[in-house]
């Protein structure tokens, strides 16, 4: 039987989490219709040996792919190249799925029997405290199909966990993410959008996105540690936009620009986490110049959208030291109030 969805799992040192994820996917009604690729990214713990057990137990559903460490992007690239399901869902190894809604999703895809470029769903953010909150795409109607123009007029932000792509769309258009690099989820939600036009929204909550782990790349300490990675992704996105901007519809252009300058601002905020210094100030100025070099359009819109960027440019970066001091005081107050 042809598989309806490939779940491509980014697996790096997830021995503590893999059982929860696999148990949420290996429901009897799903075994014949989903493919699970466990892309082991050079793990040094028991991830591979645990995955082997699942592969032996469910040989028609689970495949273990062992590879050298290449980062999150490389696991997705590998998953795309090996996927046989009609649709492709990337999922991080420390997350899990809402089994009941995955069953509903599969049934819905079977019932409609229509080729779609992308399926959008909602998801949960699940904290280590065991609390959770819903992340819902606003303005969209359940079980409604959209074209790209209508979708991007309604939705400003589509996240990594919202997306299921048609596998052939990814393969035929040679979608590749940066490797040996964190923060490539922004590339994943932008690059394929060039080719997306037939979209279905389902209000199901598919992914349970785990938050609050110290080792996560979005942790402030890790953002500082991996700041070169957010620079690499930012530069890749700017280069991408420079190449494709003339061929974009107004709606896709607006969406892609918004996502790109959101990532650029995220990198700027990471620079501002460091202790103020002339070195970091120069890094900030040079990054801002890089933005202007690649796209004066994005450069100007960032100044309109982000107050800190606007203040620094207006003051010719004389406010840099004050802004760093202010942000650090503000963060210290937040930490104190949480105690």
Protein backbone atom coordinates (compact mmCIF):
# COMPACT_ATOMS: atom_id res chain seq x y z
CA UNK A 1 0.00 0.00 0.00
CA UNK A 2 1.25 3.46 -0.88
CA UNK A 3 2.05 5.60 2.14
CA UNK A 4 0.02 8.76 2.61
CA UNK A 5 2.48 10.69 4.79
CA UNK A 6 6.17 10.39 5.53
CA UNK A 7 7.09 11.60 9.02
CA UNK A 8 10.78 12.52 8.84
CA UNK A 9 12.24 12.61 12.35
CA UNK A 10 15.33 14.71 13.08
CA UNK A 11 17.05 12.41 15.57
CA UNK A 12 20.11 13.59 17.46
CA UNK A 13 20.69 12.29 20.99
CA UNK A 14 16.98 11.85 21.68
CA UNK A 15 17.12 8.63 23.70
CA UNK A 16 15.03 10.34 26.43
CA UNK A 17 12.29 11.36 24.00
CA UNK A 18 12.11 8.88 21.12
CA UNK A 19 9.77 6.41 22.84
CA UNK A 20 7.11 9.06 23.45
CA UNK A 21 7.29 10.19 19.84
CA UNK A 22 7.19 6.69 18.36
CA UNK A 23 4.36 5.56 20.60
CA UNK A 24 2.33 8.57 19.50
CA UNK A 25 2.81 7.61 15.82
CA UNK A 26 2.59 3.82 15.94
CA UNK A 27 -1.17 3.55 16.35
CA UNK A 28 -2.65 0.46 14.68
CA UNK A 29 -4.81 2.48 12.29
CA UNK A 30 -1.73 4.33 11.04
CA UNK A 31 0.76 1.52 10.48
CA UNK A 32 -0.16 0.81 6.85
CA UNK A 33 -0.59 4.41 5.73
CA UNK A 34 2.37 6.30 7.21
CA UNK A 35 6.11 6.03 6.75
CA UNK A 36 8.42 6.97 9.63
CA UNK A 37 11.99 7.87 8.73
CA UNK A 38 14.22 8.13 11.78
CA UNK A 39 17.17 10.15 10.48
CA UNK A 40 19.88 9.52 13.06
CA UNK A 41 22.22 12.50 12.78
CA UNK A 42 25.35 10.93 14.26
CA UNK A 43 23.91 10.47 17.75
CA UNK A 44 26.35 9.48 20.50
CA UNK A 45 23.72 8.08 22.89
CA UNK A 46 21.32 5.14 22.47
CA UNK A 47 19.12 6.79 19.85
CA UNK A 48 20.18 4.42 17.05
CA UNK A 49 19.81 1.22 19.11
CA UNK A 50 16.33 2.25 20.28
CA UNK A 51 15.35 3.12 16.71
CA UNK A 52 16.57 -0.28 15.50
CA UNK A 53 14.12 -1.98 17.85
CA UNK A 54 11.23 -0.05 16.31
CA UNK A 55 12.48 -0.80 12.80
CA UNK A 56 12.57 -4.55 13.52
CA UNK A 57 9.17 -4.45 15.17
CA UNK A 58 7.51 -2.40 12.41
CA UNK A 59 9.54 -3.09 9.24
CA UNK A 60 6.82 -1.88 6.88
CA UNK A 61 6.46 1.45 8.66
CA UNK A 62 9.75 2.44 10.31
CA UNK A 63 13.09 2.99 8.59
CA UNK A 64 16.29 3.98 10.39
CA UNK A 65 18.78 6.06 8.43
CA UNK A 66 22.19 6.45 10.07
CA UNK A 67 24.32 9.34 8.86
CA UNK A 68 27.19 11.53 9.93
CA UNK A 69 26.26 14.58 11.97
CA UNK A 70 25.17 17.33 9.62
CA UNK A 71 22.63 19.34 11.59
CA UNK A 72 18.88 19.81 11.42
CA UNK A 73 18.86 20.86 7.78
CA UNK A 74 20.72 17.73 6.73
CA UNK A 75 18.13 15.50 8.42
CA UNK A 76 15.35 17.21 6.47
CA UNK A 77 17.34 17.05 3.21
CA UNK A 78 17.93 13.33 3.78
CA UNK A 79 14.28 12.76 4.68
CA UNK A 80 13.08 14.48 1.51
CA UNK A 81 15.42 12.44 -0.67
CA UNK A 82 14.26 9.11 0.81
CA UNK A 83 10.58 9.81 1.46
CA UNK A 84 8.03 7.64 -0.36
CA UNK A 85 4.85 9.07 1.19
CA UNK A 86 2.61 11.35 -0.85
CA UNK A 87 3.01 14.07 1.77
CA UNK A 88 5.97 15.03 3.93
CA UNK A 89 5.94 16.13 7.56
CA UNK A 90 9.22 17.12 9.25
CA UNK A 91 9.21 16.63 13.00
CA UNK A 92 11.86 17.15 15.67
CA UNK A 93 12.86 14.13 17.70
CA UNK A 94 12.03 15.67 21.08
CA UNK A 95 8.46 16.45 20.00
CA UNK A 96 5.52 14.08 19.57
CA UNK A 97 2.15 14.02 17.79
CA UNK A 98 -1.47 14.19 18.82
CA UNK A 99 -2.41 10.65 17.70
CA UNK A 100 -6.16 11.18 17.45
CA UNK A 101 -5.76 14.15 15.15
CA UNK A 102 -3.21 12.34 12.98
CA UNK A 103 -5.83 9.59 12.47
CA UNK A 104 -8.39 12.28 11.55
CA UNK A 105 -5.88 13.87 9.17
CA UNK A 106 -5.24 10.60 7.34
CA UNK A 107 -8.96 9.93 6.99
CA UNK A 108 -9.55 13.43 5.63
CA UNK A 109 -6.78 13.06 3.03
CA UNK A 110 -8.27 9.72 1.93
CA UNK A 111 -11.77 11.16 1.70
CA UNK A 112 -10.93 14.22 -0.39
CA UNK A 113 -8.54 12.35 -2.73
CA UNK A 114 -7.20 15.60 -4.20
CA UNK A 115 -3.59 16.54 -4.93
CA UNK A 116 -2.54 19.37 -2.64
CA UNK A 117 0.71 21.33 -2.58
CA UNK A 118 0.46 21.94 1.16
CA UNK A 119 -1.72 21.04 4.12
CA UNK A 120 -1.78 23.43 7.06
CA UNK A 121 -2.75 22.39 10.58
CA UNK A 122 -2.61 23.83 14.07
CA UNK A 123 -0.37 22.51 16.86
CA UNK A 124 0.29 22.55 20.59
CA UNK A 125 3.21 24.13 22.42
CA UNK A 126 3.91 21.74 25.30
CA UNK A 127 6.03 22.95 28.21
CA UNK A 128 8.15 20.84 30.54
CA UNK A 129 5.80 21.91 33.33
CA UNK A 130 3.21 19.78 31.44
CA UNK A 131 1.09 22.80 30.64
CA UNK A 132 0.32 23.45 27.00
CA UNK A 133 -1.20 26.10 24.79
CA UNK A 134 -2.79 26.01 21.39
CA UNK A 135 -1.11 27.64 18.41
CA UNK A 136 -3.86 28.22 15.89
CA UNK A 137 -3.65 29.77 12.45
CA UNK A 138 -6.10 32.64 12.49
CA UNK A 139 -8.58 33.67 9.80
CA UNK A 140 -8.63 30.24 8.13
CA UNK A 141 -11.67 28.00 7.86
CA UNK A 142 -11.51 24.29 8.64
CA UNK A 143 -11.57 21.98 5.62
CA UNK A 144 -11.36 24.88 3.17
CA UNK A 145 -9.03 24.96 0.18
CA UNK A 146 -7.11 28.13 -0.60
CA UNK A 147 -4.94 29.34 -3.44
CA UNK A 148 -1.71 31.16 -2.61
CA UNK A 149 -3.16 34.63 -3.19
CA UNK A 150 -6.04 34.12 -0.78
CA UNK A 151 -3.91 32.32 1.80
CA UNK A 152 -1.19 34.94 2.02
CA UNK A 153 -3.74 37.72 2.18
CA UNK A 154 -5.18 36.07 5.29
CA UNK A 155 -2.12 34.69 7.08
CA UNK A 156 1.02 36.62 7.98
CA UNK A 157 2.91 33.86 9.77
CA UNK A 158 3.11 30.12 9.01
CA UNK A 159 5.35 28.12 11.31
CA UNK A 160 7.45 25.00 10.86
CA UNK A 161 4.97 22.94 12.88
CA UNK A 162 1.98 24.06 10.80
CA UNK A 163 3.22 22.60 7.53
CA UNK A 164 2.79 19.37 5.59
CA UNK A 165 4.16 19.58 2.03
CA UNK A 166 3.50 17.43 -0.99
CA UNK A 167 6.62 15.28 -1.25
CA UNK A 168 6.95 15.61 -5.03
CA UNK A 169 6.90 19.40 -4.71
CA UNK A 170 9.98 19.21 -2.49
CA UNK A 171 11.77 16.63 -4.64
CA UNK A 172 11.06 18.14 -8.07
CA UNK A 173 12.11 21.63 -6.99
CA UNK A 174 15.26 20.37 -5.27
CA UNK A 175 14.49 22.00 -1.93
CA UNK A 176 17.70 22.05 0.10
CA UNK A 177 18.34 23.59 3.50
CA UNK A 178 21.66 24.73 4.93
CA UNK A 179 23.54 21.94 6.67
CA UNK A 180 25.69 21.96 9.81
CA UNK A 181 23.52 24.81 10.97
CA UNK A 182 20.69 25.58 13.40
CA UNK A 183 17.66 27.80 12.65
CA UNK A 184 16.97 26.38 9.18
CA UNK A 185 13.26 26.02 9.98
CA UNK A 186 12.82 29.50 8.45
CA UNK A 187 14.30 28.23 5.19
CA UNK A 188 11.89 25.28 5.35
CA UNK A 189 8.85 27.54 5.60
CA UNK A 190 10.03 29.90 2.85
CA UNK A 191 11.83 28.06 0.03
CA UNK A 192 8.98 25.71 -1.02
CA UNK A 193 6.43 28.56 -0.94
CA UNK A 194 7.56 29.57 -4.43
CA UNK A 195 5.78 26.49 -5.76
CA UNK A 196 2.77 26.26 -3.45
CA UNK A 197 -0.66 27.19 -4.77
CA UNK A 198 -3.23 24.53 -3.79
CA UNK A 199 -3.60 24.51 0.01
CA UNK A 200 -5.97 22.86 2.46
CA UNK A 201 -6.40 24.02 6.05
CA UNK A 202 -7.48 21.55 8.75
CA UNK A 203 -7.96 22.73 12.31
CA UNK A 204 -6.45 19.52 13.73
CA UNK A 205 -3.57 19.94 16.16
CA UNK A 206 -0.94 17.54 14.85
CA UNK A 207 2.38 18.36 16.51
CA UNK A 208 3.10 18.69 20.21
CA UNK A 209 6.10 21.04 20.18
CA UNK A 210 8.17 20.55 23.31
CA UNK A 211 9.46 23.76 24.89
CA UNK A 212 11.63 24.53 27.90
CA UNK A 213 14.63 22.25 27.33
CA UNK A 214 18.02 23.77 28.13
CA UNK A 215 19.62 22.10 25.11
CA UNK A 216 17.18 23.60 22.60
CA UNK A 217 18.70 25.94 20.04
CA UNK A 218 16.17 28.69 20.88
CA UNK A 219 17.42 28.84 24.47
CA UNK A 220 19.09 32.30 24.93
CA UNK A 221 22.44 30.78 25.92
CA UNK A 222 22.43 28.59 22.83
CA UNK A 223 21.39 31.48 20.62
CA UNK A 224 24.53 33.29 21.75
CA UNK A 225 26.66 30.19 21.35
CA UNK A 226 25.30 29.54 17.84
CA UNK A 227 25.08 33.11 16.63
CA UNK A 228 27.17 32.28 13.55
CA UNK A 229 24.38 29.93 12.53
CA UNK A 230 21.67 32.60 12.62
CA UNK A 231 24.02 34.77 10.53
CA UNK A 232 24.45 32.00 7.94
CA UNK A 233 20.69 31.45 7.67
CA UNK A 234 20.04 35.21 7.48
CA UNK A 235 22.53 35.56 4.63
CA UNK A 236 21.05 32.56 2.81
CA UNK A 237 17.57 34.06 3.05
CA UNK A 238 18.75 37.44 1.75
CA UNK A 239 20.51 35.75 -1.15
CA UNK A 240 17.38 33.72 -1.90
CA UNK A 241 15.18 36.83 -1.90
CA UNK A 242 17.55 38.71 -4.18
CA UNK A 243 17.31 35.89 -6.74
CA UNK A 244 13.55 35.31 -6.70
CA UNK A 245 11.93 38.66 -5.83
CA UNK A 246 11.16 39.63 -9.44
CA UNK A 247 9.22 36.41 -9.99
CA UNK A 248 7.02 36.60 -6.90
CA UNK A 249 3.37 37.53 -6.79
CA UNK A 250 2.59 40.47 -4.51
CA UNK A 251 1.06 38.15 -1.91
CA UNK A 252 3.97 35.70 -1.79
CA UNK A 253 6.45 38.54 -1.83
CA UNK A 254 4.83 40.14 1.20
CA UNK A 255 4.76 36.85 3.12
CA UNK A 256 8.37 35.93 2.26
CA UNK A 257 9.66 39.40 3.10
CA UNK A 258 7.91 39.35 6.47
CA UNK A 259 9.40 35.96 7.36
CA UNK A 260 12.87 37.02 6.22
CA UNK A 261 13.05 40.26 8.13
CA UNK A 262 11.65 38.47 11.15
CA UNK A 263 14.70 36.18 11.00
CA UNK A 264 17.04 39.15 10.48
CA UNK A 265 15.61 40.89 13.53
CA UNK A 266 16.00 37.65 15.50
CA UNK A 267 19.70 37.65 14.64
CA UNK A 268 20.01 41.31 15.66
CA UNK A 269 18.35 40.51 19.00
CA UNK A 270 20.92 37.73 19.51
CA UNK A 271 23.78 40.20 18.98
CA UNK A 272 22.19 42.46 21.60
CA UNK A 273 22.27 39.62 24.16
CA UNK A 274 26.05 39.92 24.43
CA UNK A 275 27.87 42.27 26.75
CA UNK A 276 28.18 45.61 25.00
CA UNK A 277 31.50 46.12 23.23
CA UNK A 278 32.93 47.90 20.23
CA UNK A 279 33.40 44.51 18.58
CA UNK A 280 29.70 43.64 18.90
CA UNK A 281 28.70 47.13 17.85
CA UNK A 282 30.75 46.72 14.67
CA UNK A 283 29.19 43.31 14.10
CA UNK A 284 25.75 44.87 14.35
CA UNK A 285 26.59 47.74 11.97
CA UNK A 286 28.13 45.37 9.42
CA UNK A 287 25.09 43.11 9.54
CA UNK A 288 22.79 46.07 8.95
CA UNK A 289 24.95 47.08 5.97
CA UNK A 290 24.68 43.54 4.65
CA UNK A 291 20.88 43.76 4.75
CA UNK A 292 20.94 47.03 2.81
CA UNK A 293 23.37 45.58 0.26
CA UNK A 294 21.11 42.61 -0.48
CA UNK A 295 17.76 44.41 -0.31
CA UNK A 296 17.16 48.07 0.39
CA UNK A 297 13.46 47.21 0.37
CA UNK A 298 13.83 44.82 3.35
CA UNK A 299 16.25 47.25 5.00
CA UNK A 300 13.67 50.05 4.93
CA UNK A 301 10.78 47.84 6.05
CA UNK A 302 12.78 46.61 9.05
CA UNK A 303 13.26 50.20 10.12
CA UNK A 304 9.50 50.69 10.03
CA UNK A 305 8.66 47.42 11.78
CA UNK A 306 11.22 47.18 14.60
CA UNK A 307 11.63 50.02 17.07
CA UNK A 308 15.10 49.04 18.28
CA UNK A 309 16.40 48.85 14.70
CA UNK A 310 14.85 52.25 13.99
CA UNK A 311 16.38 53.82 17.12
CA UNK A 312 19.84 52.50 16.41
CA UNK A 313 19.80 53.69 12.83
CA UNK A 314 18.36 57.08 13.76
CA UNK A 315 21.07 57.61 16.39
CA UNK A 316 23.75 56.27 14.04
CA UNK A 317 24.26 53.50 16.61
CA UNK A 318 25.12 55.92 19.42
CA UNK A 319 22.27 54.33 21.41
CA UNK A 320 23.80 50.85 21.09
CA UNK A 321 25.28 50.75 24.62
CA UNK A 322 22.11 52.11 26.17
CA UNK A 323 19.92 49.58 24.33
CA UNK A 324 22.07 46.64 25.47
CA UNK A 325 22.02 47.91 29.05
CA UNK A 326 18.24 48.45 28.92
CA UNK A 327 17.55 44.97 27.50
CA UNK A 328 19.75 43.30 30.11
CA UNK A 329 18.08 45.18 32.98
CA UNK A 330 14.68 44.23 31.58
CA UNK A 331 15.67 40.54 31.34
CA UNK A 332 17.07 40.54 34.88
CA UNK A 333 13.79 41.97 36.18
CA UNK A 334 11.86 39.21 34.37
CA UNK A 335 14.09 36.52 35.89
CA UNK A 336 13.66 38.04 39.37
CA UNK A 337 9.87 38.14 39.06
CA UNK A 338 9.78 34.46 38.01
CA UNK A 339 11.54 33.38 41.23
